[in-house]
Amino acid sequence: MNMPSRPAHVAARSLTGGHFRYFDFVMAAFVAIILLSNVIGAGKVAQIWLPGVGYWPFGAGILFFPISYIIGDVLTEVYGYARARRVIWAGTAAVLFMAFMSWVVVALPPAPDWKNQDAYAVIFGQVPRIVLASVCAFWAGEFVNSYVLARMKLWTGGRMLWTRTVGSTVAGQAVDSLIFYPLAFWGAEGWTNALVVKVLFTQWVLKVSWEVLLTPLTYLVVGFLKRAEGVDVFDEGTDFTPFATRV
């Protein structure tokens, strides 16, 4: 099958040289969203009311965590899979360090006149099972998201950005949710298996919906960065293994 021809105004440039003005900011935003979503939103189950359905539970982290996938789309679309891969590893390392730091700080004996240890432990105490589930789901989901987008960019010749941002999110968020919720909560106290499945499905639908709703913003950010950085990478000949370090 012939590959679609690339638009004449799009240039595929090497990422091995030159300095990008905004790449560091995009990476910082990605890591910040990952950390804050894990600290603030990961453990709470909220609910919304749906007409004809009633109250429906959802993980509170859904409000902000999907932004990491949008940033991941931007990274892969503009800078290419290889640099997105490095950012995903940076996010993974940051989450692991956050878990280690939380464990150490919670374990430190509190001062006798400080009465907030129990509340602090509830908020920042890390359950090993949930940490493992979170890291595995994030790592796998983000790499699937980036891989699918990079491949679809080649298939579409760089056209129809919305198809690959939405398509990659459908795949990546499915992997993320299918790993995280069963691994973290299946058989856990306070979680019925039916609730796990319900929250898993709700999370996936809401995350994909967020991507669709924010597509106009994604277009604006991608367009701005491509013009400002003077780069638009097509991953032809890219080594797609998650474990490579070469850019």
C-alpha atoms as a PDB file:
ATOM      1  CA  MET A   1       0.000   0.000   0.000  1.00  0.00           C
ATOM      2  CA  ASN A   2       1.387   3.402  -0.943  1.00  0.00           C
ATOM      3  CA  MET A   3       1.994   5.901   1.846  1.00  0.00           C
ATOM      4  CA  PRO A   4       0.007   9.142   1.502  1.00  0.00           C
ATOM      5  CA  SER A   5       2.136  11.961   0.196  1.00  0.00           C
ATOM      6  CA  ARG A   6       3.233  14.497   2.747  1.00  0.00           C
ATOM      7  CA  PRO A   7       1.935  18.069   2.442  1.00  0.00           C
ATOM      8  CA  ALA A   8       4.504  20.208   0.689  1.00  0.00           C
ATOM      9  CA  HIS A   9       4.703  22.793   3.487  1.00  0.00           C
ATOM     10  CA  VAL A  10       5.537  20.204   6.157  1.00  0.00           C
ATOM     11  CA  ALA A  11       9.209  19.527   6.797  1.00  0.00           C
ATOM     12  CA  ALA A  12      10.522  16.557   8.711  1.00  0.00           C
ATOM     13  CA  ARG A  13      13.630  17.716  10.512  1.00  0.00           C
ATOM     14  CA  SER A  14      16.206  16.041  12.695  1.00  0.00           C
ATOM     15  CA  LEU A  15      15.920  16.421  16.447  1.00  0.00           C
ATOM     16  CA  THR A  16      19.583  15.705  17.094  1.00  0.00           C
ATOM     17  CA  GLY A  17      20.681  19.300  16.857  1.00  0.00           C
ATOM     18  CA  GLY A  18      19.456  22.752  17.724  1.00  0.00           C
ATOM     19  CA  HIS A  19      17.666  24.037  20.785  1.00  0.00           C
ATOM     20  CA  PHE A  20      13.906  24.041  21.265  1.00  0.00           C
ATOM     21  CA  ARG A  21      12.514  27.039  23.080  1.00  0.00           C
ATOM     22  CA  TYR A  22       9.420  25.358  24.511  1.00  0.00           C
ATOM     23  CA  PHE A  23      10.277  21.680  24.841  1.00  0.00           C
ATOM     24  CA  ASP A  24      11.415  21.992  28.462  1.00  0.00           C
ATOM     25  CA  PHE A  25       8.195  23.764  29.415  1.00  0.00           C
ATOM     26  CA  VAL A  26       6.072  21.069  27.774  1.00  0.00           C
ATOM     27  CA  MET A  27       8.036  18.359  29.584  1.00  0.00           C
ATOM     28  CA  ALA A  28       7.677  20.187  32.928  1.00  0.00           C
ATOM     29  CA  ALA A  29       3.923  20.510  32.420  1.00  0.00           C
ATOM     30  CA  PHE A  30       3.670  16.799  31.625  1.00  0.00           C
ATOM     31  CA  VAL A  31       5.544  15.719  34.758  1.00  0.00           C
ATOM     32  CA  ALA A  32       3.642  18.181  36.961  1.00  0.00           C
ATOM     33  CA  ILE A  33       0.271  16.863  35.795  1.00  0.00           C
ATOM     34  CA  ILE A  34       1.367  13.270  36.411  1.00  0.00           C
ATOM     35  CA  LEU A  35       2.541  13.993  39.959  1.00  0.00           C
ATOM     36  CA  LEU A  36      -0.442  16.122  40.956  1.00  0.00           C
ATOM     37  CA  SER A  37      -2.927  13.635  39.532  1.00  0.00           C
ATOM     38  CA  ASN A  38      -1.366  10.863  41.597  1.00  0.00           C
ATOM     39  CA  VAL A  39      -1.193  12.918  44.803  1.00  0.00           C
ATOM     40  CA  ILE A  40      -4.552  14.676  44.671  1.00  0.00           C
ATOM     41  CA  GLY A  41      -6.954  12.735  42.508  1.00  0.00           C
ATOM     42  CA  ALA A  42      -5.965   9.079  42.377  1.00  0.00           C
ATOM     43  CA  GLY A  43      -7.617   7.766  45.528  1.00  0.00           C
ATOM     44  CA  LYS A  44     -11.009   9.448  45.531  1.00  0.00           C
ATOM     45  CA  VAL A  45     -14.150   8.089  43.919  1.00  0.00           C
ATOM     46  CA  ALA A  46     -16.643  10.883  43.212  1.00  0.00           C
ATOM     47  CA  GLN A  47     -20.014  10.718  41.488  1.00  0.00           C
ATOM     48  CA  ILE A  48     -22.021  12.561  38.878  1.00  0.00           C
ATOM     49  CA  TRP A  49     -25.723  12.439  38.120  1.00  0.00           C
ATOM     50  CA  LEU A  50     -26.675  11.244  34.640  1.00  0.00           C
ATOM     51  CA  PRO A  51     -30.223  11.688  33.289  1.00  0.00           C
ATOM     52  CA  GLY A  52     -31.994   8.360  33.118  1.00  0.00           C
ATOM     53  CA  VAL A  53     -29.147   6.615  34.929  1.00  0.00           C
ATOM     54  CA  GLY A  54     -28.847   8.298  38.299  1.00  0.00           C
ATOM     55  CA  TYR A  55     -25.628   8.785  40.219  1.00  0.00           C
ATOM     56  CA  TRP A  56     -22.595   7.238  38.564  1.00  0.00           C
ATOM     57  CA  PRO A  57     -19.167   6.844  40.224  1.00  0.00           C
ATOM     58  CA  PHE A  58     -15.911   8.034  38.665  1.00  0.00           C
ATOM     59  CA  GLY A  59     -12.315   8.488  39.778  1.00  0.00           C
ATOM     60  CA  ALA A  60     -11.671  12.110  40.711  1.00  0.00           C
ATOM     61  CA  GLY A  61      -8.317  12.099  38.938  1.00  0.00           C
ATOM     62  CA  ILE A  62     -10.214  12.062  35.636  1.00  0.00           C
ATOM     63  CA  LEU A  63     -10.605  15.835  35.860  1.00  0.00           C
ATOM     64  CA  PHE A  64      -6.919  16.513  35.215  1.00  0.00           C
ATOM     65  CA  PHE A  65      -5.008  13.305  34.458  1.00  0.00           C
ATOM     66  CA  PRO A  66      -6.165  13.160  30.788  1.00  0.00           C
ATOM     67  CA  ILE A  67      -4.268  16.415  30.209  1.00  0.00           C
ATOM     68  CA  SER A  68      -1.097  14.314  30.398  1.00  0.00           C
ATOM     69  CA  TYR A  69      -2.277  12.374  27.357  1.00  0.00           C
ATOM     70  CA  ILE A  70      -3.001  15.592  25.491  1.00  0.00           C
ATOM     71  CA  ILE A  71       0.506  16.834  26.310  1.00  0.00           C
ATOM     72  CA  GLY A  72       1.825  13.439  25.236  1.00  0.00           C
ATOM     73  CA  ASP A  73       0.030  13.882  21.916  1.00  0.00           C
ATOM     74  CA  VAL A  74       1.590  17.318  21.500  1.00  0.00           C
ATOM     75  CA  LEU A  75       5.063  15.985  22.297  1.00  0.00           C
ATOM     76  CA  THR A  76       4.853  13.143  19.780  1.00  0.00           C
ATOM     77  CA  GLU A  77       3.146  15.206  17.083  1.00  0.00           C
ATOM     78  CA  VAL A  78       5.633  18.081  17.238  1.00  0.00           C
ATOM     79  CA  TYR A  79       8.906  16.647  18.547  1.00  0.00           C
ATOM     80  CA  GLY A  80       8.562  12.990  17.579  1.00  0.00           C
ATOM     81  CA  TYR A  81       8.333   9.663  19.369  1.00  0.00           C
ATOM     82  CA  ALA A  82      11.969   9.602  20.495  1.00  0.00           C
ATOM     83  CA  ARG A  83      11.715  12.780  22.565  1.00  0.00           C
ATOM     84  CA  ALA A  84       8.270  11.828  23.852  1.00  0.00           C
ATOM     85  CA  ARG A  85       9.843   8.544  25.011  1.00  0.00           C
ATOM     86  CA  ARG A  86      12.384  10.432  27.111  1.00  0.00           C
ATOM     87  CA  VAL A  87       9.646  12.528  28.680  1.00  0.00           C
ATOM     88  CA  ILE A  88       7.614   9.423  29.545  1.00  0.00           C
ATOM     89  CA  TRP A  89      10.655   7.967  31.292  1.00  0.00           C
ATOM     90  CA  ALA A  90      11.152  11.264  33.142  1.00  0.00           C
ATOM     91  CA  GLY A  91       7.529  11.086  34.305  1.00  0.00           C
ATOM     92  CA  THR A  92       7.957   7.472  35.385  1.00  0.00           C
ATOM     93  CA  ALA A  93      11.049   8.322  37.407  1.00  0.00           C
ATOM     94  CA  ALA A  94       9.267  11.276  39.004  1.00  0.00           C
ATOM     95  CA  VAL A  95       6.314   9.115  40.081  1.00  0.00           C
ATOM     96  CA  LEU A  96       8.638   6.495  41.566  1.00  0.00           C
ATOM     97  CA  PHE A  97      10.573   9.134  43.495  1.00  0.00           C
ATOM     98  CA  MET A  98       7.318  10.701  44.706  1.00  0.00           C
ATOM     99  CA  ALA A  99       6.214   7.309  46.029  1.00  0.00           C
ATOM    100  CA  PHE A 100       9.566   6.782  47.771  1.00  0.00           C
ATOM    101  CA  MET A 101       9.549  10.275  49.267  1.00  0.00           C
ATOM    102  CA  SER A 102       5.965   9.864  50.497  1.00  0.00           C
ATOM    103  CA  TRP A 103       6.857   6.552  52.152  1.00  0.00           C
ATOM    104  CA  VAL A 104       9.904   8.041  53.917  1.00  0.00           C
ATOM    105  CA  VAL A 105       8.149  11.192  55.135  1.00  0.00           C
ATOM    106  CA  VAL A 106       5.064   9.341  56.398  1.00  0.00           C
ATOM    107  CA  ALA A 107       7.276   6.797  58.183  1.00  0.00           C
ATOM    108  CA  LEU A 108       9.259   9.448  60.064  1.00  0.00           C
ATOM    109  CA  PRO A 109       8.179   9.608  63.727  1.00  0.00           C
ATOM    110  CA  PRO A 110       6.102  12.743  64.330  1.00  0.00           C
ATOM    111  CA  ALA A 111       7.028  15.353  66.930  1.00  0.00           C
ATOM    112  CA  PRO A 112       5.048  14.864  70.169  1.00  0.00           C
ATOM    113  CA  ASP A 113       3.208  18.179  69.839  1.00  0.00           C
ATOM    114  CA  TRP A 114       2.265  17.628  66.166  1.00  0.00           C
ATOM    115  CA  LYS A 115      -1.177  16.014  66.038  1.00  0.00           C
ATOM    116  CA  ASN A 116      -1.725  15.584  62.297  1.00  0.00           C
ATOM    117  CA  GLN A 117       0.134  12.326  61.647  1.00  0.00           C
ATOM    118  CA  ASP A 118      -2.991  10.235  61.051  1.00  0.00           C
ATOM    119  CA  ALA A 119      -4.464  12.736  58.594  1.00  0.00           C
ATOM    120  CA  TYR A 120      -1.090  13.118  56.873  1.00  0.00           C
ATOM    121  CA  ALA A 121      -0.768   9.351  56.524  1.00  0.00           C
ATOM    122  CA  VAL A 122      -4.252   9.080  55.013  1.00  0.00           C
ATOM    123  CA  ILE A 123      -3.465  11.713  52.386  1.00  0.00           C
ATOM    124  CA  PHE A 124       0.135  10.884  51.530  1.00  0.00           C
ATOM    125  CA  GLY A 125       0.470   7.272  52.621  1.00  0.00           C
ATOM    126  CA  GLN A 126       1.270   5.129  49.612  1.00  0.00           C
ATOM    127  CA  VAL A 127      -0.282   1.681  49.308  1.00  0.00           C
ATOM    128  CA  PRO A 128       2.329  -0.447  47.471  1.00  0.00           C
ATOM    129  CA  ARG A 129      -0.329  -2.148  45.352  1.00  0.00           C
ATOM    130  CA  ILE A 130      -1.723   1.171  44.112  1.00  0.00           C
ATOM    131  CA  VAL A 131       1.748   2.587  43.469  1.00  0.00           C
ATOM    132  CA  LEU A 132       2.631  -0.466  41.375  1.00  0.00           C
ATOM    133  CA  ALA A 133      -0.654  -0.269  39.469  1.00  0.00           C
ATOM    134  CA  SER A 134      -0.261   3.463  38.859  1.00  0.00           C
ATOM    135  CA  VAL A 135       3.305   3.248  37.561  1.00  0.00           C
ATOM    136  CA  CYS A 136       2.606   0.241  35.312  1.00  0.00           C
ATOM    137  CA  ALA A 137      -0.588   1.749  33.890  1.00  0.00           C
ATOM    138  CA  PHE A 138       0.962   5.163  33.271  1.00  0.00           C
ATOM    139  CA  TRP A 139       4.069   3.730  31.620  1.00  0.00           C
ATOM    140  CA  ALA A 140       2.227   1.313  29.338  1.00  0.00           C
ATOM    141  CA  GLY A 141      -0.618   3.688  28.484  1.00  0.00           C
ATOM    142  CA  GLU A 142       1.630   6.609  27.588  1.00  0.00           C
ATOM    143  CA  PHE A 143       3.865   4.507  25.358  1.00  0.00           C
ATOM    144  CA  VAL A 144       0.852   3.022  23.554  1.00  0.00           C
ATOM    145  CA  ASN A 145      -0.552   6.529  23.112  1.00  0.00           C
ATOM    146  CA  SER A 146       2.700   7.867  21.667  1.00  0.00           C
ATOM    147  CA  TYR A 147       3.291   4.848  19.430  1.00  0.00           C
ATOM    148  CA  VAL A 148      -0.210   4.892  17.935  1.00  0.00           C
ATOM    149  CA  LEU A 149      -0.052   8.626  17.248  1.00  0.00           C
ATOM    150  CA  ALA A 150       3.366   8.388  15.581  1.00  0.00           C
ATOM    151  CA  ARG A 151       2.242   5.499  13.383  1.00  0.00           C
ATOM    152  CA  MET A 152      -1.023   7.184  12.453  1.00  0.00           C
ATOM    153  CA  LYS A 153       0.865  10.347  11.487  1.00  0.00           C
ATOM    154  CA  LEU A 154       2.765   8.317   8.916  1.00  0.00           C
ATOM    155  CA  TRP A 155      -0.413   6.615   7.678  1.00  0.00           C
ATOM    156  CA  THR A 156      -2.244   9.934   7.249  1.00  0.00           C
ATOM    157  CA  GLY A 157       0.730  11.817   5.839  1.00  0.00           C
ATOM    158  CA  GLY A 158       0.426  14.378   8.618  1.00  0.00           C
ATOM    159  CA  ARG A 159      -3.167  15.262   7.781  1.00  0.00           C
ATOM    160  CA  MET A 160      -6.284  14.978   9.966  1.00  0.00           C
ATOM    161  CA  LEU A 161      -4.610  15.569  13.314  1.00  0.00           C
ATOM    162  CA  TRP A 162      -7.851  14.867  15.172  1.00  0.00           C
ATOM    163  CA  THR A 163      -7.914  11.249  13.979  1.00  0.00           C
ATOM    164  CA  ARG A 164      -4.603  10.437  15.628  1.00  0.00           C
ATOM    165  CA  THR A 165      -5.090  12.459  18.816  1.00  0.00           C
ATOM    166  CA  VAL A 166      -8.421  10.763  19.447  1.00  0.00           C
ATOM    167  CA  GLY A 167      -7.329   7.366  18.113  1.00  0.00           C
ATOM    168  CA  SER A 168      -4.166   7.286  20.211  1.00  0.00           C
ATOM    169  CA  THR A 169      -6.120   8.297  23.318  1.00  0.00           C
ATOM    170  CA  VAL A 170      -8.705   5.559  22.751  1.00  0.00           C
ATOM    171  CA  ALA A 171      -5.883   2.999  22.687  1.00  0.00           C
ATOM    172  CA  GLY A 172      -3.644   4.503  25.369  1.00  0.00           C
ATOM    173  CA  GLN A 173      -6.364   5.221  27.900  1.00  0.00           C
ATOM    174  CA  ALA A 174      -7.841   1.761  27.381  1.00  0.00           C
ATOM    175  CA  VAL A 175      -4.501   0.194  28.264  1.00  0.00           C
ATOM    176  CA  ASP A 176      -4.076   2.563  31.221  1.00  0.00           C
ATOM    177  CA  SER A 177      -7.499   1.814  32.691  1.00  0.00           C
ATOM    178  CA  LEU A 178      -7.352  -1.935  31.985  1.00  0.00           C
ATOM    179  CA  ILE A 179      -4.087  -2.168  33.911  1.00  0.00           C
ATOM    180  CA  PHE A 180      -4.681   0.279  36.760  1.00  0.00           C
ATOM    181  CA  TYR A 181      -8.127  -0.536  38.122  1.00  0.00           C
ATOM    182  CA  PRO A 182      -7.940  -4.342  38.223  1.00  0.00           C
ATOM    183  CA  LEU A 183      -4.359  -4.277  39.507  1.00  0.00           C
ATOM    184  CA  ALA A 184      -5.103  -1.635  42.155  1.00  0.00           C
ATOM    185  CA  PHE A 185      -8.602  -2.484  43.356  1.00  0.00           C
ATOM    186  CA  TRP A 186      -9.739  -5.960  42.233  1.00  0.00           C
ATOM    187  CA  GLY A 187     -10.723  -7.743  45.436  1.00  0.00           C
ATOM    188  CA  ALA A 188      -9.640  -4.782  47.597  1.00  0.00           C
ATOM    189  CA  GLU A 189     -11.618  -3.808  50.696  1.00  0.00           C
ATOM    190  CA  GLY A 190     -14.376  -1.332  49.877  1.00  0.00           C
ATOM    191  CA  TRP A 191     -14.322  -2.212  46.176  1.00  0.00           C
ATOM    192  CA  THR A 192     -16.715  -4.722  44.672  1.00  0.00           C
ATOM    193  CA  ASN A 193     -15.672  -6.246  41.368  1.00  0.00           C
ATOM    194  CA  ALA A 194     -18.728  -4.631  39.761  1.00  0.00           C
ATOM    195  CA  LEU A 195     -17.582  -1.221  41.023  1.00  0.00           C
ATOM    196  CA  VAL A 196     -14.099  -1.778  39.602  1.00  0.00           C
ATOM    197  CA  VAL A 197     -15.540  -2.556  36.170  1.00  0.00           C
ATOM    198  CA  LYS A 198     -17.975   0.359  36.333  1.00  0.00           C
ATOM    199  CA  VAL A 199     -15.301   2.896  37.316  1.00  0.00           C
ATOM    200  CA  LEU A 200     -12.864   1.458  34.748  1.00  0.00           C
ATOM    201  CA  PHE A 201     -15.343   1.863  31.913  1.00  0.00           C
ATOM    202  CA  THR A 202     -16.434   5.309  33.116  1.00  0.00           C
ATOM    203  CA  GLN A 203     -12.826   6.490  33.350  1.00  0.00           C
ATOM    204  CA  TRP A 204     -12.076   5.346  29.820  1.00  0.00           C
ATOM    205  CA  VAL A 205     -15.148   6.997  28.320  1.00  0.00           C
ATOM    206  CA  LEU A 206     -14.581  10.271  30.189  1.00  0.00           C
ATOM    207  CA  LYS A 207     -10.883  10.407  29.302  1.00  0.00           C
ATOM    208  CA  VAL A 208     -11.611   9.926  25.612  1.00  0.00           C
ATOM    209  CA  SER A 209     -14.410  12.499  25.836  1.00  0.00           C
ATOM    210  CA  TRP A 210     -11.981  14.998  27.362  1.00  0.00           C
ATOM    211  CA  GLU A 211      -9.652  14.463  24.404  1.00  0.00           C
ATOM    212  CA  VAL A 212     -12.459  15.083  21.939  1.00  0.00           C
ATOM    213  CA  LEU A 213     -13.626  18.236  23.739  1.00  0.00           C
ATOM    214  CA  LEU A 214     -10.108  19.645  23.929  1.00  0.00           C
ATOM    215  CA  THR A 215      -9.258  18.907  20.290  1.00  0.00           C
ATOM    216  CA  PRO A 216      -9.513  22.602  19.262  1.00  0.00           C
ATOM    217  CA  LEU A 217      -7.028  23.500  22.013  1.00  0.00           C
ATOM    218  CA  THR A 218      -4.722  20.695  20.886  1.00  0.00           C
ATOM    219  CA  TYR A 219      -4.799  22.107  17.348  1.00  0.00           C
ATOM    220  CA  LEU A 220      -3.865  25.575  18.637  1.00  0.00           C
ATOM    221  CA  VAL A 221      -0.969  24.321  20.770  1.00  0.00           C
ATOM    222  CA  VAL A 222       0.389  21.998  18.072  1.00  0.00           C
ATOM    223  CA  GLY A 223       0.181  24.723  15.427  1.00  0.00           C
ATOM    224  CA  PHE A 224       1.907  27.259  17.682  1.00  0.00           C
ATOM    225  CA  LEU A 225       4.748  24.905  18.626  1.00  0.00           C
ATOM    226  CA  LYS A 226       5.373  23.758  15.059  1.00  0.00           C
ATOM    227  CA  ARG A 227       5.677  27.372  13.913  1.00  0.00           C
ATOM    228  CA  ALA A 228       7.701  28.532  16.902  1.00  0.00           C
ATOM    229  CA  GLU A 229      10.110  25.571  16.914  1.00  0.00           C
ATOM    230  CA  GLY A 230      10.312  25.177  13.141  1.00  0.00           C
ATOM    231  CA  VAL A 231       9.926  21.420  13.392  1.00  0.00           C
ATOM    232  CA  ASP A 232       7.385  18.759  12.462  1.00  0.00           C
ATOM    233  CA  VAL A 233       8.752  15.246  12.945  1.00  0.00           C
ATOM    234  CA  PHE A 234       7.650  12.197  11.002  1.00  0.00           C
ATOM    235  CA  ASP A 235       8.910   9.007  12.671  1.00  0.00           C
ATOM    236  CA  GLU A 236      10.233   7.281   9.574  1.00  0.00           C
ATOM    237  CA  GLY A 237      12.833   4.713  10.563  1.00  0.00           C
ATOM    238  CA  THR A 238      12.319   5.376  14.269  1.00  0.00           C
ATOM    239  CA  ASP A 239      13.166   2.625  16.739  1.00  0.00           C
ATOM    240  CA  PHE A 240       9.883   2.326  18.633  1.00  0.00           C
ATOM    241  CA  THR A 241      11.156   0.228  21.513  1.00  0.00           C
ATOM    242  CA  PRO A 242      10.375   1.940  24.835  1.00  0.00           C
ATOM    243  CA  PHE A 243      13.877   1.130  26.098  1.00  0.00           C
ATOM    244  CA  ALA A 244      15.991   2.995  23.566  1.00  0.00           C
ATOM    245  CA  THR A 245      17.644   6.274  24.626  1.00  0.00           C
ATOM    246  CA  ARG A 246      18.773   7.589  21.270  1.00  0.00           C
ATOM    247  CA  VAL A 247      16.953  10.640  19.884  1.00  0.00           C
END
